[in-house]
Amino acid sequence: IDAGVFKYVNTISVQDGATTAVGTASSPIKLGNDPHSNTVHFAVVTGQYDSIDNVLTQMGIPEQVSYDNNQTGWVRYEQTDPLLGIPSELAKYNVVLINCGSDETGADNTSPLLTNLRTFVSNGGTLYASDWAYVFIEAGWPEYIDFHGDDNLPGSARLGVSGTSLGTVQGPLLTALSKSTINITFDLDMWVMIDKAPEAAGKAVSVLISGPRPSGDGTQYPLMVQFESGSGKVVYTSFHNEAQATTDMVDALKLIALGGV
C-alpha cells in the first residue's frame, strides 16, 4: 500500500477460495505505527492561524521533542531559521508543513533559507503551506501559481472574504476522496486568493480543489493546488485546519499530511 510518503509492505498467505482479512474496521492498518510500514518524519512550522499538526495528531502520529530516526513522528519549530537555515537539519525530514501565520523569515528569493527549502523539495521532500504561508511558494516557485495581486508586494493576495464555498474536487484527489464536491469554510477575512495555476514553461500544476470565492460572481478559482519540483512535491491550500473545519476539509488535509496525492 502506498499513501504519499508512507509505504506498507506485508506478505500475506492466502488460500484459494478463502477470504483473508488484511485490515478490519476494529483493527485497521495504521501507516507509520505498524512494523510493516516505513518510518516517516514531519517538521511543522507553527502558525497563528492554522494547526496542521492537529491533523497529524488525529492520525496517530505523535509529536516528538526532537528528531527520532527510529520512529514516525513530527517535530515542532516555532521559527523557520532552526529548520530551514541548517541543510542537515532540514534533510532529516520527509515532509515540511508550514502553517498560516508562521514566521516568514526566509520567504525571499535571495535568502539561503529559501535555497535550502528548494533543495529539500528537489531532493524528494514534500512541502505543504497554507494560506499566508504562500509567501514561501511565491518566492521559491513563482512560475507555478499566479497568486492574486502584485507579486512584488508581499501580502497583496490576502483579499479573500469570509464565508463558505462548495469546492469541486479534481484530479488525483477525486479518486482519493471518492467525492466530487467538498465543503470549504473560510472563517476569517484576508485569506490568500489564487487567480490561476498556469502551466508555464512546461511546469504542470494539478488543481485539486476549485471553487467560487465567497461573495464572488460564481467563477471557479483554484483553492488547493499541487505540483512537482525535481523529485519532490509542493502542496498549497488557501484554506486551513481550524476548530470549526468540516469533515471534508479535514479529510483533504489528512491526505496532504501524507505527502500529497
Protein backbone atom coordinates (compact mmCIF):
# COMPACT_ATOMS: atom_id res chain seq x y z
CA ILE A 1 0.00 0.00 0.00
CA ASP A 2 1.40 3.44 -0.96
CA ALA A 3 -0.08 6.58 0.59
CA GLY A 4 2.00 9.65 -0.10
CA VAL A 5 5.23 9.30 1.86
CA PHE A 6 4.02 6.15 3.64
CA LYS A 7 4.51 2.64 2.37
CA TYR A 8 3.13 -0.57 3.91
CA VAL A 9 4.58 -3.92 2.81
CA ASN A 10 3.44 -7.23 4.25
CA THR A 11 3.45 -10.80 2.96
CA ILE A 12 0.03 -12.42 3.26
CA SER A 13 -0.66 -16.14 2.91
CA VAL A 14 -3.92 -16.80 1.08
CA GLN A 15 -5.86 -19.91 0.19
CA ASP A 16 -7.82 -20.49 -3.00
CA GLY A 17 -11.49 -19.68 -2.42
CA ALA A 18 -10.88 -18.28 1.08
CA THR A 19 -11.06 -14.68 2.36
CA THR A 20 -8.06 -13.31 4.24
CA ALA A 21 -8.57 -10.11 6.26
CA VAL A 22 -5.60 -7.75 5.95
CA GLY A 23 -7.19 -4.97 7.98
CA THR A 24 -10.58 -4.56 9.65
CA ALA A 25 -12.63 -1.68 11.00
CA SER A 26 -11.71 -2.70 14.55
CA SER A 27 -8.07 -3.41 13.70
CA PRO A 28 -7.10 -1.18 10.74
CA ILE A 29 -3.69 -0.81 9.16
CA LYS A 30 -2.08 2.26 10.73
CA LEU A 31 0.59 3.61 8.44
CA GLY A 32 3.64 4.71 10.40
CA ASN A 33 2.67 2.80 13.53
CA ASP A 34 2.82 -0.69 12.04
CA PRO A 35 6.03 -2.75 11.84
CA HIS A 36 5.33 -3.31 8.14
CA SER A 37 5.29 0.43 7.32
CA ASN A 38 8.22 2.74 6.78
CA THR A 39 9.31 5.46 9.20
CA VAL A 40 8.30 8.99 8.17
CA HIS A 41 9.45 12.27 9.70
CA PHE A 42 7.50 15.53 9.67
CA ALA A 43 8.69 19.04 10.54
CA VAL A 44 5.94 21.50 11.48
CA VAL A 45 6.48 25.27 11.48
CA THR A 46 3.74 26.55 13.77
CA GLY A 47 1.49 29.49 12.90
CA GLN A 48 -1.03 31.82 14.48
CA TYR A 49 -3.99 30.83 12.31
CA ASP A 50 -3.52 27.20 11.34
CA SER A 51 -2.71 23.89 13.01
CA ILE A 52 -1.98 21.11 10.53
CA ASP A 53 -0.25 19.42 13.48
CA ASN A 54 -3.74 18.72 14.89
CA VAL A 55 -4.40 16.59 11.80
CA LEU A 56 -1.18 14.66 12.38
CA THR A 57 -2.28 14.00 15.96
CA GLN A 58 -5.70 12.81 14.76
CA MET A 59 -3.89 10.34 12.51
CA GLY A 60 -2.00 8.91 15.49
CA ILE A 61 1.33 10.48 14.50
CA PRO A 62 2.96 11.63 17.76
CA GLU A 63 4.77 14.87 18.47
CA GLN A 64 8.43 14.39 19.35
CA VAL A 65 10.57 16.68 21.47
CA SER A 66 13.37 16.15 18.99
CA TYR A 67 14.04 14.16 15.83
CA ASP A 68 13.98 10.39 16.31
CA ASN A 69 15.31 8.45 13.34
CA ASN A 70 13.63 5.24 14.55
CA GLN A 71 10.06 6.48 14.98
CA THR A 72 7.45 8.13 12.81
CA GLY A 73 6.53 11.49 14.31
CA TRP A 74 6.55 15.27 13.97
CA VAL A 75 8.77 17.96 15.49
CA ARG A 76 7.61 21.50 16.26
CA TYR A 77 9.57 24.57 15.09
CA GLU A 78 8.43 27.97 16.30
CA GLN A 79 10.81 29.77 13.91
CA THR A 80 11.97 28.91 10.41
CA ASP A 81 15.70 29.53 10.86
CA PRO A 82 16.47 26.48 13.08
CA LEU A 83 14.90 24.29 10.37
CA LEU A 84 15.40 25.98 7.01
CA GLY A 85 18.69 27.60 7.95
CA ILE A 86 20.50 24.29 8.51
CA PRO A 87 20.52 21.97 5.48
CA SER A 88 21.47 18.93 7.56
CA GLU A 89 18.52 19.60 9.90
CA LEU A 90 16.09 20.00 7.02
CA ALA A 91 17.36 16.83 5.34
CA LYS A 92 16.22 14.75 8.32
CA TYR A 93 12.57 15.12 7.32
CA ASN A 94 10.31 13.71 4.62
CA VAL A 95 7.62 16.39 4.88
CA VAL A 96 7.75 20.06 5.93
CA LEU A 97 4.44 21.68 6.92
CA ILE A 98 4.31 25.49 7.19
CA ASN A 99 1.19 26.81 8.89
CA CYS A 100 -0.63 30.03 8.07
CA GLY A 101 0.65 32.87 10.25
CA SER A 102 4.09 31.32 10.70
CA ASP A 103 7.43 33.07 10.94
CA GLU A 104 8.17 34.21 7.38
CA THR A 105 11.92 34.54 7.74
CA GLY A 106 13.48 33.15 4.57
CA ALA A 107 10.50 33.82 2.28
CA ASP A 108 12.72 35.82 -0.05
CA ASN A 109 14.14 34.59 -3.34
CA THR A 110 17.61 35.79 -2.30
CA SER A 111 17.54 34.02 1.08
CA PRO A 112 19.75 30.97 1.71
CA LEU A 113 16.85 29.56 3.76
CA LEU A 114 14.68 29.51 0.66
CA THR A 115 17.51 27.94 -1.34
CA ASN A 116 17.68 25.18 1.26
CA LEU A 117 13.91 24.66 1.05
CA ARG A 118 14.04 24.39 -2.75
CA THR A 119 16.86 21.86 -2.47
CA PHE A 120 14.84 19.86 0.08
CA VAL A 121 11.94 19.57 -2.37
CA SER A 122 14.17 18.90 -5.36
CA ASN A 123 15.77 16.01 -3.46
CA GLY A 124 12.41 14.32 -2.90
CA GLY A 125 10.85 16.13 0.08
CA THR A 126 7.25 17.32 0.30
CA LEU A 127 6.35 20.89 1.26
CA TYR A 128 2.86 21.87 2.39
CA ALA A 129 1.98 25.52 3.00
CA SER A 130 -1.36 27.02 3.90
CA ASP A 131 -2.91 30.44 3.33
CA TRP A 132 -0.49 33.22 4.38
CA ALA A 133 2.48 30.85 4.11
CA TYR A 134 2.07 31.25 0.34
CA VAL A 135 5.00 33.69 0.50
CA PHE A 136 7.41 30.73 0.56
CA ILE A 137 5.89 29.28 -2.62
CA GLU A 138 5.58 32.61 -4.39
CA ALA A 139 9.25 33.37 -3.71
CA GLY A 140 10.56 29.85 -4.29
CA TRP A 141 8.44 28.70 -7.24
CA PRO A 142 6.97 31.88 -8.79
CA GLU A 143 6.23 30.31 -12.18
CA TYR A 144 3.83 27.66 -10.88
CA ILE A 145 0.98 29.61 -9.28
CA ASP A 146 -0.43 33.04 -10.13
CA PHE A 147 -1.47 34.47 -6.79
CA HIS A 148 -3.78 37.48 -6.76
CA GLY A 149 -2.25 40.96 -6.64
CA ASP A 150 1.27 42.23 -7.22
CA ASP A 151 3.92 39.53 -6.79
CA ASN A 152 6.38 42.21 -5.68
CA LEU A 153 4.16 43.27 -2.78
CA PRO A 154 4.10 40.55 -0.09
CA GLY A 155 0.62 40.08 1.31
CA SER A 156 -1.20 41.64 -1.65
CA ALA A 157 -3.02 38.35 -2.31
CA ARG A 158 -4.70 38.46 1.11
CA LEU A 159 -8.05 39.81 -0.07
CA GLY A 160 -10.40 36.85 0.40
CA VAL A 161 -13.56 37.43 2.44
CA SER A 162 -15.01 35.00 4.98
CA GLY A 163 -17.78 32.63 4.02
CA THR A 164 -18.30 29.18 2.54
CA SER A 165 -17.59 27.63 -0.82
CA LEU A 166 -18.71 24.39 -2.43
CA GLY A 167 -15.44 23.18 -3.88
CA THR A 168 -15.12 20.91 -6.90
CA VAL A 169 -12.70 18.04 -6.32
CA GLN A 170 -10.44 17.31 -9.27
CA GLY A 171 -7.53 15.16 -10.43
CA PRO A 172 -5.97 12.56 -8.11
CA LEU A 173 -7.82 13.96 -5.08
CA LEU A 174 -11.12 12.96 -6.71
CA THR A 175 -10.05 9.32 -6.61
CA ALA A 176 -8.59 9.62 -3.12
CA LEU A 177 -11.70 11.23 -1.55
CA SER A 178 -14.27 9.38 -3.68
CA LYS A 179 -16.42 12.51 -3.91
CA SER A 180 -16.75 15.29 -6.46
CA THR A 181 -17.58 18.17 -4.13
CA ILE A 182 -16.23 19.29 -0.79
CA ASN A 183 -17.41 21.93 1.67
CA ILE A 184 -14.81 24.66 2.26
CA THR A 185 -15.11 27.12 5.15
CA PHE A 186 -13.22 30.42 5.31
CA ASP A 187 -13.85 31.69 8.82
CA LEU A 188 -11.70 34.81 8.53
CA ASP A 189 -11.23 37.57 6.01
CA MET A 190 -7.89 38.18 4.28
CA TRP A 191 -7.27 34.63 3.07
CA VAL A 192 -4.94 34.30 0.09
CA MET A 193 -6.56 34.13 -3.34
CA ILE A 194 -5.16 32.27 -6.36
CA ASP A 195 -6.11 33.65 -9.78
CA LYS A 196 -4.84 30.69 -11.80
CA ALA A 197 -2.35 27.84 -11.85
CA PRO A 198 -0.65 28.17 -15.24
CA GLU A 199 1.40 25.51 -16.95
CA ALA A 200 4.26 27.92 -17.55
CA ALA A 201 7.40 26.59 -19.24
CA GLY A 202 6.04 23.06 -19.06
CA LYS A 203 5.51 23.25 -15.29
CA ALA A 204 2.33 21.23 -14.82
CA VAL A 205 0.21 22.18 -11.81
CA SER A 206 -2.66 20.00 -10.60
CA VAL A 207 -5.67 21.93 -9.32
CA LEU A 208 -7.04 19.53 -6.71
CA ILE A 209 -9.91 21.71 -5.49
CA SER A 210 -11.50 24.69 -7.20
CA GLY A 211 -14.47 26.75 -6.13
CA PRO A 212 -16.18 30.15 -6.15
CA ARG A 213 -14.98 32.83 -3.79
CA PRO A 214 -17.48 33.78 -1.06
CA SER A 215 -19.42 36.88 -2.13
CA GLY A 216 -17.98 36.47 -5.65
CA ASP A 217 -19.68 36.06 -9.01
CA GLY A 218 -19.52 32.26 -9.01
CA THR A 219 -16.33 31.99 -11.06
CA GLN A 220 -14.27 28.95 -10.12
CA TYR A 221 -10.75 29.58 -8.82
CA PRO A 222 -8.06 27.19 -7.52
CA LEU A 223 -8.29 26.58 -3.76
CA MET A 224 -5.88 23.65 -3.46
CA VAL A 225 -3.02 23.00 -5.85
CA GLN A 226 -0.10 20.62 -6.15
CA PHE A 227 2.98 20.43 -8.35
CA GLU A 228 6.22 18.52 -8.61
CA SER A 229 9.65 20.11 -8.48
CA GLY A 230 12.66 17.88 -9.06
CA SER A 231 11.94 14.64 -7.21
CA GLY A 232 9.67 16.30 -4.65
CA LYS A 233 6.24 17.84 -4.32
CA VAL A 234 4.67 21.14 -3.21
CA VAL A 235 1.08 21.38 -1.98
CA TYR A 236 -0.76 24.61 -1.18
CA THR A 237 -4.23 25.37 0.18
CA SER A 238 -5.97 28.72 0.54
CA PHE A 239 -7.96 27.14 3.37
CA HIS A 240 -6.62 25.62 6.57
CA ASN A 241 -7.46 23.48 9.56
CA GLU A 242 -9.42 25.32 12.22
CA ALA A 243 -11.55 24.13 15.11
CA GLN A 244 -14.72 24.53 13.00
CA ALA A 245 -13.27 22.77 9.95
CA THR A 246 -15.69 20.50 8.14
CA THR A 247 -15.10 16.75 7.91
CA ASP A 248 -14.37 17.15 4.22
CA MET A 249 -11.64 19.72 4.89
CA VAL A 250 -10.00 17.51 7.50
CA ASP A 251 -10.08 14.51 5.13
CA ALA A 252 -8.36 16.57 2.44
CA LEU A 253 -5.77 17.84 4.91
CA LYS A 254 -5.05 14.31 6.08
CA LEU A 255 -4.14 13.40 2.52
CA ILE A 256 -1.87 16.46 2.38
CA ALA A 257 -0.19 15.40 5.62
CA LEU A 258 0.62 12.07 3.96
CA GLY A 259 2.65 13.96 1.40
CA GLY A 260 0.14 14.79 -1.30
CA VAL A 261 -1.80 12.58 -3.69
